[in-house]
């Protein structure tokens, strides 16, 4: 079996993922509060509220506190002359090899949360799909984008 890739994404990815998950979980908590108010007004059974609070609390723990750290530990990538090797996943670990000859274009992208931590993601597009290496330092993302682009051009010239 092939050795895992050696490069990791930026450590600040954990913070960015926690903030993003916190925003989604906040919406869930608002729905939970709405259920509690509706239940209180209409005097329905309170088990709706109990279930909603338990689901919200469990979701908060898993998606805000537990998964971002595990996700960061599992995310790895490596760029070779002929391929890009990406490994990620929490329960199911996915290992992907993207041949350089199949790379059509490479982009960097950065939303407001990633920008706050000076991070960017690299997206690698092929004819079939798009692969992403998330949350690299801005400088590293730009260098990686340029390196993959150069290697993909060289492979096209060889064909």
N, C-alpha and C. Protein backbone atom coordinates (compact mmCIF):
# COMPACT_ATOMS: atom_id res chain seq x y z
N UNK A 1 0.84 -1.19 0.00
CA UNK A 1 0.00 0.00 0.00
C UNK A 1 0.88 1.24 0.00
N UNK A 2 0.41 2.25 -0.65
CA UNK A 2 1.13 3.52 -0.78
C UNK A 2 1.17 4.26 0.55
N UNK A 3 2.27 4.95 0.79
CA UNK A 3 2.42 5.76 2.00
C UNK A 3 1.48 6.97 1.93
N UNK A 4 0.97 7.44 3.08
CA UNK A 4 0.11 8.63 3.06
C UNK A 4 0.89 9.86 2.61
N UNK A 5 0.18 10.84 2.04
CA UNK A 5 0.86 12.08 1.63
C UNK A 5 1.48 12.77 2.84
N UNK A 6 2.50 13.58 2.60
CA UNK A 6 3.25 14.17 3.71
C UNK A 6 2.80 15.58 4.10
N UNK A 7 2.22 16.33 3.18
CA UNK A 7 1.87 17.73 3.46
C UNK A 7 0.52 17.84 4.17
N UNK A 8 0.48 18.75 5.15
CA UNK A 8 -0.76 19.02 5.88
C UNK A 8 -1.28 20.39 5.49
N UNK A 9 -2.56 20.60 5.75
CA UNK A 9 -3.12 21.93 5.55
C UNK A 9 -2.80 22.78 6.78
N UNK A 10 -3.10 24.07 6.72
CA UNK A 10 -2.75 25.00 7.80
C UNK A 10 -3.52 24.66 9.08
N UNK A 11 -2.87 24.84 10.21
CA UNK A 11 -3.47 24.55 11.51
C UNK A 11 -4.67 25.45 11.80
N UNK A 12 -4.66 26.68 11.26
CA UNK A 12 -5.78 27.59 11.46
C UNK A 12 -7.05 27.12 10.78
N UNK A 13 -6.96 26.08 9.96
CA UNK A 13 -8.17 25.52 9.34
C UNK A 13 -9.16 25.08 10.40
N UNK A 14 -8.66 24.58 11.53
CA UNK A 14 -9.53 24.13 12.61
C UNK A 14 -10.39 25.29 13.11
N UNK A 15 -9.78 26.45 13.30
CA UNK A 15 -10.53 27.62 13.76
C UNK A 15 -11.57 28.04 12.73
N UNK A 16 -11.17 28.06 11.46
CA UNK A 16 -12.10 28.46 10.40
C UNK A 16 -13.28 27.48 10.32
N UNK A 17 -13.00 26.19 10.41
CA UNK A 17 -14.07 25.19 10.36
C UNK A 17 -14.98 25.29 11.57
N UNK A 18 -14.41 25.60 12.73
CA UNK A 18 -15.25 25.76 13.93
C UNK A 18 -16.19 26.95 13.78
N UNK A 19 -15.70 28.04 13.24
CA UNK A 19 -16.56 29.22 13.05
C UNK A 19 -17.66 28.91 12.03
N UNK A 20 -17.31 28.26 10.95
CA UNK A 20 -18.30 27.91 9.93
C UNK A 20 -19.35 26.98 10.51
N UNK A 21 -18.92 25.96 11.23
CA UNK A 21 -19.87 25.03 11.85
C UNK A 21 -20.72 25.75 12.89
N UNK A 22 -20.11 26.68 13.62
CA UNK A 22 -20.86 27.45 14.61
C UNK A 22 -21.99 28.24 13.99
N UNK A 23 -21.78 28.78 12.80
CA UNK A 23 -22.84 29.53 12.12
C UNK A 23 -24.00 28.61 11.73
N UNK A 24 -23.68 27.43 11.23
CA UNK A 24 -24.74 26.47 10.88
C UNK A 24 -25.48 25.98 12.12
N UNK A 25 -24.74 25.72 13.18
CA UNK A 25 -25.37 25.24 14.41
C UNK A 25 -26.22 26.34 15.05
N UNK A 26 -25.83 27.59 14.87
CA UNK A 26 -26.64 28.70 15.39
C UNK A 26 -28.03 28.70 14.76
N UNK A 27 -28.11 28.39 13.48
CA UNK A 27 -29.40 28.29 12.81
C UNK A 27 -30.21 27.14 13.42
N UNK A 28 -29.55 26.04 13.69
CA UNK A 28 -30.23 24.90 14.33
C UNK A 28 -30.76 25.28 15.71
N UNK A 29 -29.98 26.04 16.48
CA UNK A 29 -30.42 26.47 17.81
C UNK A 29 -31.60 27.44 17.70
N UNK A 30 -31.61 28.29 16.68
CA UNK A 30 -32.75 29.18 16.47
C UNK A 30 -34.01 28.37 16.18
N UNK A 31 -33.89 27.32 15.39
CA UNK A 31 -35.04 26.44 15.13
C UNK A 31 -35.49 25.74 16.41
N UNK A 32 -34.54 25.36 17.24
CA UNK A 32 -34.87 24.73 18.52
C UNK A 32 -35.64 25.69 19.42
N UNK A 33 -35.19 26.93 19.46
CA UNK A 33 -35.89 27.95 20.26
C UNK A 33 -37.29 28.18 19.71
N UNK A 34 -37.43 28.21 18.39
CA UNK A 34 -38.75 28.38 17.78
C UNK A 34 -39.67 27.23 18.15
N UNK A 35 -39.15 26.01 18.13
CA UNK A 35 -39.95 24.84 18.53
C UNK A 35 -40.38 24.97 19.99
N UNK A 36 -39.46 25.42 20.84
CA UNK A 36 -39.79 25.58 22.26
C UNK A 36 -40.89 26.62 22.45
N UNK A 37 -40.82 27.73 21.74
CA UNK A 37 -41.84 28.78 21.87
C UNK A 37 -43.20 28.28 21.36
N UNK A 38 -43.19 27.63 20.20
CA UNK A 38 -44.45 27.11 19.65
C UNK A 38 -45.05 26.06 20.59
N UNK A 39 -44.20 25.21 21.15
CA UNK A 39 -44.68 24.19 22.08
C UNK A 39 -45.26 24.84 23.34
N UNK A 40 -44.61 25.87 23.84
CA UNK A 40 -45.09 26.56 25.04
C UNK A 40 -46.44 27.26 24.78
N UNK A 41 -46.57 27.89 23.61
CA UNK A 41 -47.81 28.60 23.28
C UNK A 41 -48.97 27.63 23.06
N UNK A 42 -48.73 26.57 22.34
CA UNK A 42 -49.80 25.63 21.98
C UNK A 42 -49.95 24.47 22.94
N UNK A 43 -49.15 24.42 23.96
CA UNK A 43 -49.15 23.36 24.97
C UNK A 43 -49.14 21.96 24.38
N UNK A 44 -48.26 21.77 23.39
CA UNK A 44 -48.03 20.44 22.87
C UNK A 44 -47.20 19.66 23.89
N UNK A 45 -46.94 18.43 23.56
CA UNK A 45 -46.08 17.61 24.41
C UNK A 45 -44.66 18.17 24.38
N UNK A 46 -44.01 18.17 25.51
CA UNK A 46 -42.67 18.76 25.63
C UNK A 46 -41.56 17.85 25.12
N UNK A 47 -41.91 16.65 24.65
CA UNK A 47 -40.86 15.77 24.14
C UNK A 47 -40.29 16.32 22.83
N UNK A 48 -41.06 17.14 22.08
CA UNK A 48 -40.52 17.81 20.89
C UNK A 48 -39.33 18.68 21.28
N UNK A 49 -39.51 19.44 22.33
CA UNK A 49 -38.45 20.35 22.78
C UNK A 49 -37.25 19.56 23.26
N UNK A 50 -37.50 18.49 24.02
CA UNK A 50 -36.40 17.67 24.53
C UNK A 50 -35.58 17.08 23.38
N UNK A 51 -36.26 16.56 22.38
CA UNK A 51 -35.55 15.98 21.23
C UNK A 51 -34.77 17.07 20.49
N UNK A 52 -35.40 18.23 20.28
CA UNK A 52 -34.74 19.32 19.56
C UNK A 52 -33.49 19.79 20.30
N UNK A 53 -33.58 19.92 21.63
CA UNK A 53 -32.43 20.35 22.42
C UNK A 53 -31.32 19.30 22.38
N UNK A 54 -31.68 18.03 22.47
CA UNK A 54 -30.67 16.97 22.42
C UNK A 54 -29.97 16.94 21.05
N UNK A 55 -30.74 17.06 19.99
CA UNK A 55 -30.15 17.06 18.64
C UNK A 55 -29.23 18.27 18.47
N UNK A 56 -29.68 19.43 18.93
CA UNK A 56 -28.86 20.64 18.81
C UNK A 56 -27.58 20.54 19.63
N UNK A 57 -27.69 20.02 20.85
CA UNK A 57 -26.51 19.89 21.71
C UNK A 57 -25.51 18.89 21.12
N UNK A 58 -26.01 17.77 20.63
CA UNK A 58 -25.13 16.76 20.03
C UNK A 58 -24.47 17.31 18.76
N UNK A 59 -25.24 18.01 17.94
CA UNK A 59 -24.70 18.61 16.72
C UNK A 59 -23.62 19.64 17.05
N UNK A 60 -23.87 20.45 18.06
CA UNK A 60 -22.88 21.45 18.47
C UNK A 60 -21.58 20.77 18.89
N UNK A 61 -21.68 19.75 19.72
CA UNK A 61 -20.48 19.06 20.19
C UNK A 61 -19.72 18.43 19.01
N UNK A 62 -20.44 17.70 18.15
CA UNK A 62 -19.77 16.99 17.07
C UNK A 62 -19.16 17.94 16.03
N UNK A 63 -19.98 18.86 15.52
CA UNK A 63 -19.55 19.67 14.37
C UNK A 63 -18.70 20.88 14.74
N UNK A 64 -18.82 21.37 15.97
CA UNK A 64 -18.04 22.54 16.36
C UNK A 64 -16.79 22.14 17.15
N UNK A 65 -16.90 21.16 18.00
CA UNK A 65 -15.78 20.84 18.88
C UNK A 65 -14.99 19.59 18.50
N UNK A 66 -15.63 18.55 18.02
CA UNK A 66 -14.94 17.29 17.78
C UNK A 66 -14.40 17.15 16.34
N UNK A 67 -15.27 17.28 15.35
CA UNK A 67 -14.89 16.98 13.97
C UNK A 67 -13.81 17.88 13.37
N UNK A 68 -13.78 19.20 13.63
CA UNK A 68 -12.73 20.00 12.98
C UNK A 68 -11.30 19.54 13.28
N UNK A 69 -11.03 19.16 14.52
CA UNK A 69 -9.69 18.68 14.87
C UNK A 69 -9.35 17.36 14.19
N UNK A 70 -10.31 16.46 14.18
CA UNK A 70 -10.08 15.16 13.52
C UNK A 70 -9.92 15.37 12.02
N UNK A 71 -10.75 16.23 11.46
CA UNK A 71 -10.69 16.52 10.03
C UNK A 71 -9.30 17.07 9.64
N UNK A 72 -8.76 17.97 10.48
CA UNK A 72 -7.44 18.53 10.20
C UNK A 72 -6.36 17.44 10.26
N UNK A 73 -6.45 16.55 11.22
CA UNK A 73 -5.44 15.49 11.35
C UNK A 73 -5.44 14.55 10.15
N UNK A 74 -6.59 14.35 9.53
CA UNK A 74 -6.70 13.42 8.42
C UNK A 74 -6.41 14.03 7.06
N UNK A 75 -6.46 15.36 6.97
CA UNK A 75 -6.26 16.00 5.66
C UNK A 75 -4.79 16.06 5.32
N UNK A 76 -4.42 15.46 4.19
CA UNK A 76 -3.04 15.47 3.70
C UNK A 76 -3.05 15.53 2.18
N UNK A 77 -1.97 16.05 1.65
CA UNK A 77 -1.84 16.12 0.19
C UNK A 77 -0.37 16.09 -0.17
N UNK A 78 -0.11 15.73 -1.42
CA UNK A 78 1.25 15.76 -1.93
C UNK A 78 1.18 15.91 -3.45
N UNK A 79 2.08 16.71 -3.99
CA UNK A 79 2.11 16.95 -5.43
C UNK A 79 3.39 16.33 -5.98
N UNK A 80 3.20 15.40 -6.92
CA UNK A 80 4.30 14.77 -7.62
C UNK A 80 4.33 15.31 -9.04
N UNK A 81 5.34 14.95 -9.80
CA UNK A 81 5.43 15.43 -11.18
C UNK A 81 4.30 14.89 -12.05
N UNK A 82 3.86 13.67 -11.79
CA UNK A 82 2.85 13.04 -12.63
C UNK A 82 1.45 13.01 -12.03
N UNK A 83 1.31 13.32 -10.73
CA UNK A 83 0.00 13.21 -10.08
C UNK A 83 -0.08 14.03 -8.80
N UNK A 84 -1.31 14.24 -8.37
CA UNK A 84 -1.58 14.90 -7.09
C UNK A 84 -2.27 13.85 -6.22
N UNK A 85 -1.76 13.68 -5.02
CA UNK A 85 -2.28 12.68 -4.09
C UNK A 85 -2.97 13.41 -2.95
N UNK A 86 -4.27 13.16 -2.77
CA UNK A 86 -5.07 13.82 -1.74
C UNK A 86 -5.68 12.75 -0.85
N UNK A 87 -5.60 12.96 0.46
CA UNK A 87 -6.20 12.02 1.42
C UNK A 87 -7.00 12.83 2.44
N UNK A 88 -8.25 12.43 2.68
CA UNK A 88 -9.09 13.11 3.67
C UNK A 88 -10.22 12.20 4.09
N UNK A 89 -10.91 12.58 5.15
CA UNK A 89 -12.07 11.83 5.63
C UNK A 89 -11.97 11.56 7.11
N UNK A 90 -13.12 11.50 7.77
CA UNK A 90 -13.16 11.23 9.21
C UNK A 90 -13.45 9.76 9.45
N UNK A 91 -14.61 9.29 9.06
CA UNK A 91 -14.94 7.87 9.21
C UNK A 91 -14.48 7.07 8.00
N UNK A 92 -14.72 7.60 6.85
CA UNK A 92 -14.30 6.96 5.61
C UNK A 92 -13.15 7.79 5.03
N UNK A 93 -11.97 7.20 4.98
CA UNK A 93 -10.80 7.90 4.48
C UNK A 93 -10.73 7.72 2.97
N UNK A 94 -10.72 8.84 2.26
CA UNK A 94 -10.68 8.84 0.81
C UNK A 94 -9.27 9.20 0.35
N UNK A 95 -8.72 8.38 -0.53
CA UNK A 95 -7.41 8.64 -1.12
C UNK A 95 -7.61 8.82 -2.62
N UNK A 96 -7.24 9.99 -3.12
CA UNK A 96 -7.49 10.32 -4.52
C UNK A 96 -6.17 10.65 -5.22
N UNK A 97 -5.98 10.06 -6.39
CA UNK A 97 -4.85 10.40 -7.25
C UNK A 97 -5.40 11.13 -8.47
N UNK A 98 -4.92 12.33 -8.69
CA UNK A 98 -5.33 13.12 -9.84
C UNK A 98 -4.14 13.18 -10.79
N UNK A 99 -4.24 12.53 -11.94
CA UNK A 99 -3.12 12.59 -12.90
C UNK A 99 -2.95 14.01 -13.44
N UNK A 100 -1.72 14.48 -13.52
CA UNK A 100 -1.45 15.83 -14.03
C UNK A 100 -1.97 16.01 -15.45
N UNK A 101 -1.94 14.95 -16.22
CA UNK A 101 -2.39 15.04 -17.61
C UNK A 101 -3.89 15.37 -17.69
N UNK A 102 -4.64 15.09 -16.63
CA UNK A 102 -6.09 15.34 -16.60
C UNK A 102 -6.46 16.72 -16.05
N UNK A 103 -5.50 17.43 -15.49
CA UNK A 103 -5.79 18.73 -14.88
C UNK A 103 -6.07 19.75 -15.98
N UNK A 104 -7.25 20.38 -15.90
CA UNK A 104 -7.62 21.40 -16.89
C UNK A 104 -7.28 22.79 -16.41
N UNK A 105 -7.63 23.08 -15.16
CA UNK A 105 -7.20 24.36 -14.58
C UNK A 105 -7.19 24.27 -13.06
N UNK A 106 -6.46 25.21 -12.47
CA UNK A 106 -6.27 25.25 -11.01
C UNK A 106 -6.63 26.65 -10.54
N UNK A 107 -7.43 26.73 -9.48
CA UNK A 107 -7.86 28.02 -8.92
C UNK A 107 -7.54 28.07 -7.44
N UNK A 108 -7.47 29.29 -6.92
CA UNK A 108 -7.49 29.48 -5.47
C UNK A 108 -8.77 30.22 -5.16
N UNK A 109 -9.35 29.92 -4.01
CA UNK A 109 -10.55 30.63 -3.58
C UNK A 109 -10.46 30.91 -2.10
N UNK A 110 -11.19 31.96 -1.70
CA UNK A 110 -11.07 32.41 -0.32
C UNK A 110 -12.36 33.14 0.05
N UNK A 111 -13.05 32.61 1.05
CA UNK A 111 -14.25 33.27 1.56
C UNK A 111 -13.87 34.18 2.72
N UNK A 112 -14.87 34.83 3.32
CA UNK A 112 -14.56 35.78 4.40
C UNK A 112 -13.93 35.13 5.64
N UNK A 113 -14.34 33.91 5.95
CA UNK A 113 -13.77 33.26 7.14
C UNK A 113 -12.32 32.84 6.87
N UNK A 114 -12.07 32.27 5.72
CA UNK A 114 -10.69 31.92 5.37
C UNK A 114 -9.81 33.16 5.28
N UNK A 115 -10.36 34.24 4.74
CA UNK A 115 -9.60 35.49 4.61
C UNK A 115 -9.18 36.02 5.99
N UNK A 116 -10.07 35.86 6.98
CA UNK A 116 -9.76 36.33 8.34
C UNK A 116 -8.50 35.66 8.88
N UNK A 117 -8.31 34.39 8.52
CA UNK A 117 -7.15 33.64 9.00
C UNK A 117 -6.02 33.59 7.96
N UNK A 118 -6.13 34.38 6.89
CA UNK A 118 -5.16 34.43 5.80
C UNK A 118 -4.94 33.04 5.19
N UNK A 119 -6.06 32.37 4.90
CA UNK A 119 -6.03 31.06 4.29
C UNK A 119 -6.72 31.11 2.93
N UNK A 120 -6.44 30.13 2.10
CA UNK A 120 -7.11 30.00 0.80
C UNK A 120 -7.16 28.52 0.45
N UNK A 121 -8.12 28.16 -0.38
CA UNK A 121 -8.25 26.78 -0.85
C UNK A 121 -7.83 26.70 -2.30
N UNK A 122 -7.26 25.57 -2.67
CA UNK A 122 -6.85 25.32 -4.05
C UNK A 122 -7.83 24.32 -4.64
N UNK A 123 -8.43 24.66 -5.77
CA UNK A 123 -9.33 23.74 -6.46
C UNK A 123 -8.68 23.30 -7.76
N UNK A 124 -8.72 22.00 -7.99
CA UNK A 124 -8.10 21.39 -9.16
C UNK A 124 -9.23 20.81 -10.01
N UNK A 125 -9.41 21.33 -11.20
CA UNK A 125 -10.52 20.89 -12.06
C UNK A 125 -10.01 19.94 -13.14
N UNK A 126 -10.74 18.84 -13.29
CA UNK A 126 -10.51 17.91 -14.38
C UNK A 126 -11.79 17.88 -15.21
N UNK A 127 -11.82 17.09 -16.27
CA UNK A 127 -13.03 17.00 -17.08
C UNK A 127 -14.17 16.38 -16.28
N UNK A 128 -13.85 15.49 -15.37
CA UNK A 128 -14.88 14.77 -14.63
C UNK A 128 -15.37 15.49 -13.38
N UNK A 129 -14.48 16.12 -12.63
CA UNK A 129 -14.87 16.69 -11.34
C UNK A 129 -13.88 17.75 -10.89
N UNK A 130 -14.12 18.27 -9.70
CA UNK A 130 -13.22 19.24 -9.09
C UNK A 130 -12.75 18.70 -7.75
N UNK A 131 -11.46 18.81 -7.50
CA UNK A 131 -10.87 18.38 -6.23
C UNK A 131 -10.41 19.63 -5.49
N UNK A 132 -10.48 19.58 -4.16
CA UNK A 132 -10.12 20.75 -3.38
C UNK A 132 -9.12 20.39 -2.29
N UNK A 133 -8.14 21.25 -2.13
CA UNK A 133 -7.23 21.18 -0.99
C UNK A 133 -7.56 22.43 -0.17
N UNK A 134 -8.24 22.26 0.97
CA UNK A 134 -8.75 23.42 1.69
C UNK A 134 -7.74 24.04 2.64
N UNK A 135 -7.95 25.29 2.94
CA UNK A 135 -7.32 25.99 4.06
C UNK A 135 -5.80 25.90 4.11
N UNK A 136 -5.16 26.33 3.02
CA UNK A 136 -3.70 26.48 3.02
C UNK A 136 -3.40 27.94 3.31
N UNK A 137 -2.20 28.23 3.80
CA UNK A 137 -1.80 29.62 3.93
C UNK A 137 -1.83 30.26 2.55
N UNK A 138 -2.19 31.54 2.49
CA UNK A 138 -2.35 32.21 1.19
C UNK A 138 -1.14 32.03 0.29
N UNK A 139 0.04 32.23 0.85
CA UNK A 139 1.28 32.09 0.09
C UNK A 139 1.44 30.67 -0.44
N UNK A 140 1.21 29.69 0.43
CA UNK A 140 1.34 28.29 0.04
C UNK A 140 0.33 27.92 -1.04
N UNK A 141 -0.88 28.44 -0.91
CA UNK A 141 -1.93 28.16 -1.90
C UNK A 141 -1.54 28.71 -3.28
N UNK A 142 -1.01 29.92 -3.29
CA UNK A 142 -0.59 30.52 -4.56
C UNK A 142 0.56 29.74 -5.18
N UNK A 143 1.54 29.37 -4.37
CA UNK A 143 2.68 28.59 -4.87
C UNK A 143 2.23 27.23 -5.38
N UNK A 144 1.31 26.58 -4.64
CA UNK A 144 0.82 25.26 -5.05
C UNK A 144 0.04 25.37 -6.35
N UNK A 145 -0.80 26.39 -6.48
CA UNK A 145 -1.57 26.61 -7.71
C UNK A 145 -0.62 26.77 -8.90
N UNK A 146 0.40 27.60 -8.72
CA UNK A 146 1.36 27.84 -9.81
C UNK A 146 2.15 26.58 -10.15
N UNK A 147 2.53 25.83 -9.14
CA UNK A 147 3.31 24.61 -9.36
C UNK A 147 2.48 23.56 -10.11
N UNK A 148 1.23 23.35 -9.67
CA UNK A 148 0.37 22.38 -10.35
C UNK A 148 0.12 22.82 -11.79
N UNK A 149 -0.12 24.11 -11.98
CA UNK A 149 -0.36 24.64 -13.32
C UNK A 149 0.84 24.38 -14.22
N UNK A 150 2.03 24.63 -13.72
CA UNK A 150 3.25 24.40 -14.50
C UNK A 150 3.43 22.92 -14.82
N UNK A 151 3.21 22.06 -13.85
CA UNK A 151 3.36 20.63 -14.08
C UNK A 151 2.31 20.10 -15.06
N UNK A 152 1.11 20.63 -14.99
CA UNK A 152 0.05 20.20 -15.91
C UNK A 152 0.38 20.64 -17.33
N UNK A 153 0.96 21.83 -17.51
CA UNK A 153 1.35 22.30 -18.84
C UNK A 153 2.46 21.44 -19.43
N UNK A 154 3.43 21.06 -18.60
CA UNK A 154 4.54 20.23 -19.06
C UNK A 154 3.99 18.89 -19.55
N UNK A 155 3.05 18.30 -18.79
CA UNK A 155 2.48 17.02 -19.20
C UNK A 155 1.73 17.15 -20.52
N UNK A 156 1.02 18.25 -20.73
CA UNK A 156 0.31 18.45 -21.99
C UNK A 156 1.29 18.53 -23.15
N UNK A 157 2.42 19.18 -22.94
CA UNK A 157 3.42 19.31 -24.00
C UNK A 157 4.04 17.97 -24.36
N UNK A 158 4.12 17.06 -23.38
CA UNK A 158 4.72 15.74 -23.62
C UNK A 158 3.81 14.84 -24.43
N UNK A 159 2.53 15.10 -24.44
CA UNK A 159 1.57 14.21 -25.11
C UNK A 159 1.61 14.37 -26.60
